[in-house]
C-alpha atoms as a PDB file:
ATOM      1  CA  MET A   1      71.757 111.337  53.164  1.00  0.00           C
ATOM      2  CA  THR A   2      73.364 108.020  52.468  1.00  0.00           C
ATOM      3  CA  PRO A   3      72.407 104.868  54.359  1.00  0.00           C
ATOM      4  CA  GLU A   4      75.971 104.652  55.681  1.00  0.00           C
ATOM      5  CA  ARG A   5      75.682 108.163  57.107  1.00  0.00           C
ATOM      6  CA  PHE A   6      72.348 107.246  58.696  1.00  0.00           C
ATOM      7  CA  VAL A   7      73.895 104.163  60.341  1.00  0.00           C
ATOM      8  CA  HIS A   8      76.765 106.274  61.667  1.00  0.00           C
ATOM      9  CA  LEU A   9      74.386 108.891  63.146  1.00  0.00           C
ATOM     10  CA  ALA A  10      72.093 106.238  64.633  1.00  0.00           C
ATOM     11  CA  GLU A  11      75.070 104.639  66.375  1.00  0.00           C
ATOM     12  CA  ALA A  12      76.247 107.999  67.665  1.00  0.00           C
ATOM     13  CA  TYR A  13      72.943 109.648  68.712  1.00  0.00           C
ATOM     14  CA  GLY A  14      70.501 106.798  69.211  1.00  0.00           C
ATOM     15  CA  ALA A  15      67.034 106.186  67.817  1.00  0.00           C
ATOM     16  CA  ASP A  16      65.408 109.462  68.855  1.00  0.00           C
ATOM     17  CA  LEU A  17      65.845 111.833  65.916  1.00  0.00           C
ATOM     18  CA  GLN A  18      65.343 114.826  68.255  1.00  0.00           C
ATOM     19  CA  ARG A  19      68.808 114.107  69.707  1.00  0.00           C
ATOM     20  CA  TRP A  20      70.414 114.208  66.265  1.00  0.00           C
ATOM     21  CA  PRO A  21      71.992 117.389  64.866  1.00  0.00           C
ATOM     22  CA  ALA A  22      69.269 119.708  63.580  1.00  0.00           C
ATOM     23  CA  GLU A  23      70.679 119.885  60.046  1.00  0.00           C
ATOM     24  CA  GLU A  24      70.577 116.058  59.724  1.00  0.00           C
ATOM     25  CA  ARG A  25      67.033 115.394  60.997  1.00  0.00           C
ATOM     26  CA  ALA A  26      65.056 116.209  57.844  1.00  0.00           C
ATOM     27  CA  SER A  27      67.257 114.133  55.538  1.00  0.00           C
ATOM     28  CA  ALA A  28      67.214 111.237  58.035  1.00  0.00           C
ATOM     29  CA  GLN A  29      63.408 111.333  58.168  1.00  0.00           C
ATOM     30  CA  ALA A  30      63.282 111.440  54.365  1.00  0.00           C
ATOM     31  CA  LEU A  31      65.532 108.365  54.135  1.00  0.00           C
ATOM     32  CA  LEU A  32      63.351 106.516  56.647  1.00  0.00           C
ATOM     33  CA  SER A  33      60.203 107.374  54.699  1.00  0.00           C
ATOM     34  CA  THR A  34      61.680 105.774  51.540  1.00  0.00           C
ATOM     35  CA  GLY A  35      61.823 102.457  53.415  1.00  0.00           C
ATOM     36  CA  ASN A  36      65.571 101.925  53.106  1.00  0.00           C
ATOM     37  CA  ALA A  37      66.435  98.539  54.676  1.00  0.00           C
ATOM     38  CA  TRP A  38      69.795  99.656  56.109  1.00  0.00           C
ATOM     39  CA  ALA A  39      68.237 102.695  57.747  1.00  0.00           C
ATOM     40  CA  GLN A  40      65.358 100.633  59.201  1.00  0.00           C
ATOM     41  CA  GLU A  41      67.795  98.020  60.569  1.00  0.00           C
ATOM     42  CA  ALA A  42      70.064 100.697  62.071  1.00  0.00           C
ATOM     43  CA  LEU A  43      67.050 102.366  63.679  1.00  0.00           C
ATOM     44  CA  GLN A  44      65.853  99.061  65.181  1.00  0.00           C
ATOM     45  CA  GLN A  45      69.309  98.385  66.633  1.00  0.00           C
ATOM     46  CA  ALA A  46      69.442 101.896  68.068  1.00  0.00           C
ATOM     47  CA  ILE A  47      65.991 101.433  69.640  1.00  0.00           C
ATOM     48  CA  TRP A  48      67.131  98.155  71.231  1.00  0.00           C
ATOM     49  CA  LEU A  49      70.320  99.744  72.592  1.00  0.00           C
ATOM     50  CA  ASP A  50      68.443 102.782  73.918  1.00  0.00           C
ATOM     51  CA  ARG A  51      66.028 100.500  75.799  1.00  0.00           C
ATOM     52  CA  GLN A  52      68.894  98.474  77.270  1.00  0.00           C
ATOM     53  CA  LEU A  53      70.663 101.607  78.444  1.00  0.00           C
ATOM     54  CA  ASP A  54      67.458 103.110  79.863  1.00  0.00           C
ATOM     55  CA  ARG A  55      66.720  99.916  81.797  1.00  0.00           C
ATOM     56  CA  TYR A  56      70.161  99.659  83.397  1.00  0.00           C
ATOM     57  CA  GLN A  57      70.417 100.923  86.966  1.00  0.00           C
ATOM     58  CA  LEU A  58      73.478 101.135  89.124  1.00  0.00           C
ATOM     59  CA  PRO A  59      73.276  99.210  92.374  1.00  0.00           C
ATOM     60  CA  GLU A  60      73.408 101.238  95.567  1.00  0.00           C
ATOM     61  CA  PRO A  61      76.847 101.193  97.179  1.00  0.00           C
ATOM     62  CA  SER A  62      77.041  99.357 100.452  1.00  0.00           C
ATOM     63  CA  PRO A  63      77.352 101.452 103.618  1.00  0.00           C
ATOM     64  CA  ALA A  64      80.721  99.798 104.329  1.00  0.00           C
ATOM     65  CA  LEU A  65      82.047 100.958 100.948  1.00  0.00           C
ATOM     66  CA  VAL A  66      80.819 104.498 101.584  1.00  0.00           C
ATOM     67  CA  ARG A  67      82.540 104.563 104.995  1.00  0.00           C
ATOM     68  CA  GLN A  68      85.754 103.183 103.505  1.00  0.00           C
ATOM     69  CA  ILE A  69      85.803 105.828 100.747  1.00  0.00           C
ATOM     70  CA  LEU A  70      85.133 108.635 103.207  1.00  0.00           C
ATOM     71  CA  ALA A  71      87.777 107.349 105.614  1.00  0.00           C
ATOM     72  CA  THR A  72      90.486 107.189 102.940  1.00  0.00           C
ATOM     73  CA  ALA A  73      89.583 110.444 101.195  1.00  0.00           C
ATOM     74  CA  PRO A  74      92.096 113.243 101.747  1.00  0.00           C
ATOM     75  CA  GLY A  75      90.615 116.017 103.793  1.00  0.00           C
ATOM     76  CA  ARG A  76      91.498 119.526 104.784  1.00  0.00           C
ATOM     77  CA  PRO A  77      92.774 120.029 108.305  1.00  0.00           C
ATOM     78  CA  PRO A  78      90.088 121.556 110.493  1.00  0.00           C
ATOM     79  CA  LEU A  79      90.253 125.292 111.035  1.00  0.00           C
ATOM     80  CA  PRO A  80      90.711 126.675 114.529  1.00  0.00           C
ATOM     81  CA  SER A  81      87.494 127.877 116.091  1.00  0.00           C
ATOM     82  CA  PHE A  82      88.270 131.583 115.489  1.00  0.00           C
ATOM     83  CA  TRP A  83      88.888 131.075 111.754  1.00  0.00           C
ATOM     84  CA  ARG A  84      85.907 128.739 111.418  1.00  0.00           C
ATOM     85  CA  ARG A  85      83.662 131.377 112.960  1.00  0.00           C
ATOM     86  CA  TYR A  86      84.866 134.289 110.792  1.00  0.00           C
ATOM     87  CA  ALA A  87      86.117 132.572 107.632  1.00  0.00           C
ATOM     88  CA  SER A  88      83.195 133.623 105.435  1.00  0.00           C
ATOM     89  CA  TRP A  89      83.364 137.354 106.090  1.00  0.00           C
ATOM     90  CA  LEU A  90      87.168 137.414 106.168  1.00  0.00           C
ATOM     91  CA  ALA A  91      87.155 135.958 102.670  1.00  0.00           C
ATOM     92  CA  SER A  92      84.774 138.671 101.490  1.00  0.00           C
ATOM     93  CA  LEU A  93      86.999 141.287 103.124  1.00  0.00           C
ATOM     94  CA  GLY A  94      89.699 140.303 100.625  1.00  0.00           C
ATOM     95  CA  TRP A  95      87.356 141.182  97.766  1.00  0.00           C
ATOM     96  CA  VAL A  96      86.774 144.593  99.345  1.00  0.00           C
ATOM     97  CA  GLY A  97      90.546 145.135  99.351  1.00  0.00           C
ATOM     98  CA  VAL A  98      90.741 144.195  95.680  1.00  0.00           C
ATOM     99  CA  GLY A  99      87.966 146.654  94.891  1.00  0.00           C
ATOM    100  CA  LEU A 100      89.654 149.467  96.811  1.00  0.00           C
ATOM    101  CA  ALA A 101      92.939 148.793  95.005  1.00  0.00           C
ATOM    102  CA  GLY A 102      91.089 149.056  91.680  1.00  0.00           C
ATOM    103  CA  VAL A 103      89.511 152.360  92.682  1.00  0.00           C
ATOM    104  CA  ALA A 104      92.909 153.735  93.734  1.00  0.00           C
ATOM    105  CA  ALA A 105      94.508 152.650  90.451  1.00  0.00           C
ATOM    106  CA  GLY A 106      91.686 154.247  88.477  1.00  0.00           C
ATOM    107  CA  MET A 107      91.972 157.510  90.378  1.00  0.00           C
ATOM    108  CA  LEU A 108      95.729 157.570  89.772  1.00  0.00           C
ATOM    109  CA  ALA A 109      95.275 156.982  86.041  1.00  0.00           C
ATOM    110  CA  VAL A 110      92.675 159.743  85.768  1.00  0.00           C
ATOM    111  CA  THR A 111      94.814 162.151  87.799  1.00  0.00           C
ATOM    112  CA  LEU A 112      97.865 161.596  85.637  1.00  0.00           C
ATOM    113  CA  SER A 113      95.978 161.948  82.377  1.00  0.00           C
ATOM    114  CA  LEU A 114      94.023 165.136  83.169  1.00  0.00           C
ATOM    115  CA  PRO A 115      95.596 168.497  82.267  1.00  0.00           C
ATOM    116  CA  LEU A 116      96.640 170.732  85.139  1.00  0.00           C
ATOM    117  CA  PRO A 117      94.838 174.014  85.823  1.00  0.00           C
ATOM    118  CA  SER A 118      96.335 177.064  84.112  1.00  0.00           C
ATOM    119  CA  SER A 119      97.966 178.329  87.348  1.00  0.00           C
ATOM    120  CA  PHE A 120     100.000 175.112  87.662  1.00  0.00           C
ATOM    121  CA  ALA A 121     100.592 174.618  83.945  1.00  0.00           C
ATOM    122  CA  GLU A 122     103.874 176.546  83.932  1.00  0.00           C
ATOM    123  CA  ALA A 123     105.279 174.980  87.095  1.00  0.00           C
ATOM    124  CA  LEU A 124     104.126 171.370  86.783  1.00  0.00           C
ATOM    125  CA  PRO A 125     103.457 170.123  83.267  1.00  0.00           C
ATOM    126  CA  SER A 126     101.408 166.959  82.796  1.00  0.00           C
ATOM    127  CA  VAL A 127     103.278 163.692  82.467  1.00  0.00           C
ATOM    128  CA  PHE A 128     101.761 163.181  79.026  1.00  0.00           C
ATOM    129  CA  ASP A 129     102.238 166.778  77.865  1.00  0.00           C
ATOM    130  CA  GLN A 130     105.250 167.028  75.545  1.00  0.00           C
ATOM    131  CA  SER A 131     104.633 170.563  74.231  1.00  0.00           C
ATOM    132  CA  ASP A 132     107.287 172.147  76.532  1.00  0.00           C
ATOM    133  CA  ALA A 133     110.000 169.574  75.756  1.00  0.00           C
ATOM    134  CA  ASP A 134     112.226 172.014  73.807  1.00  0.00           C
ATOM    135  CA  PHE A 135     111.970 174.632  76.567  1.00  0.00           C
ATOM    136  CA  ILE A 136     112.888 172.147  79.317  1.00  0.00           C
ATOM    137  CA  LEU A 137     115.756 170.728  77.284  1.00  0.00           C
ATOM    138  CA  SER A 138     117.130 174.229  76.653  1.00  0.00           C
ATOM    139  CA  ILE A 139     117.040 175.035  80.398  1.00  0.00           C
ATOM    140  CA  ASN A 140     118.855 171.800  81.203  1.00  0.00           C
ATOM    141  CA  ALA A 141     121.486 172.587  78.538  1.00  0.00           C
ATOM    142  CA  GLU A 142     122.138 176.025  80.082  1.00  0.00           C
ATOM    143  CA  GLU A 143     122.551 174.490  83.547  1.00  0.00           C
ATOM    144  CA  ALA A 144     125.030 171.940  82.185  1.00  0.00           C
ATOM    145  CA  GLU A 145     127.204 174.695  80.606  1.00  0.00           C
ATOM    146  CA  GLN A 146     127.544 176.595  83.922  1.00  0.00           C
END
């Protein structure tokens, strides 16, 4: 690791090497152990900045500011009492409908893809069965000639 790379990482991740990328930690520690002046200076600056940032606390907002923000915030119109009372289970009822539609679609797909029993095979071929195509086409051709 070069001292320039160390300075860049110290500015990006701070003084705590545990916050640095795992693949960079060992080489950073090795550079520090050699006593490189740039690395030591960058580490000291990162320690100072970390302490300044840790010490900083946001002031509490005043109650008047909180009221003003809440008063000007866009809100949803209130629901009528019936909808407010039943809104939670009516919303879940929609998910039940979605589930039932999925079950119906699955049953339809399975029904269309399964072969018919042998008694129905001659009368109603499967949608995906193309083995009787020549026979059906020949019947249609005879009907067209008449």
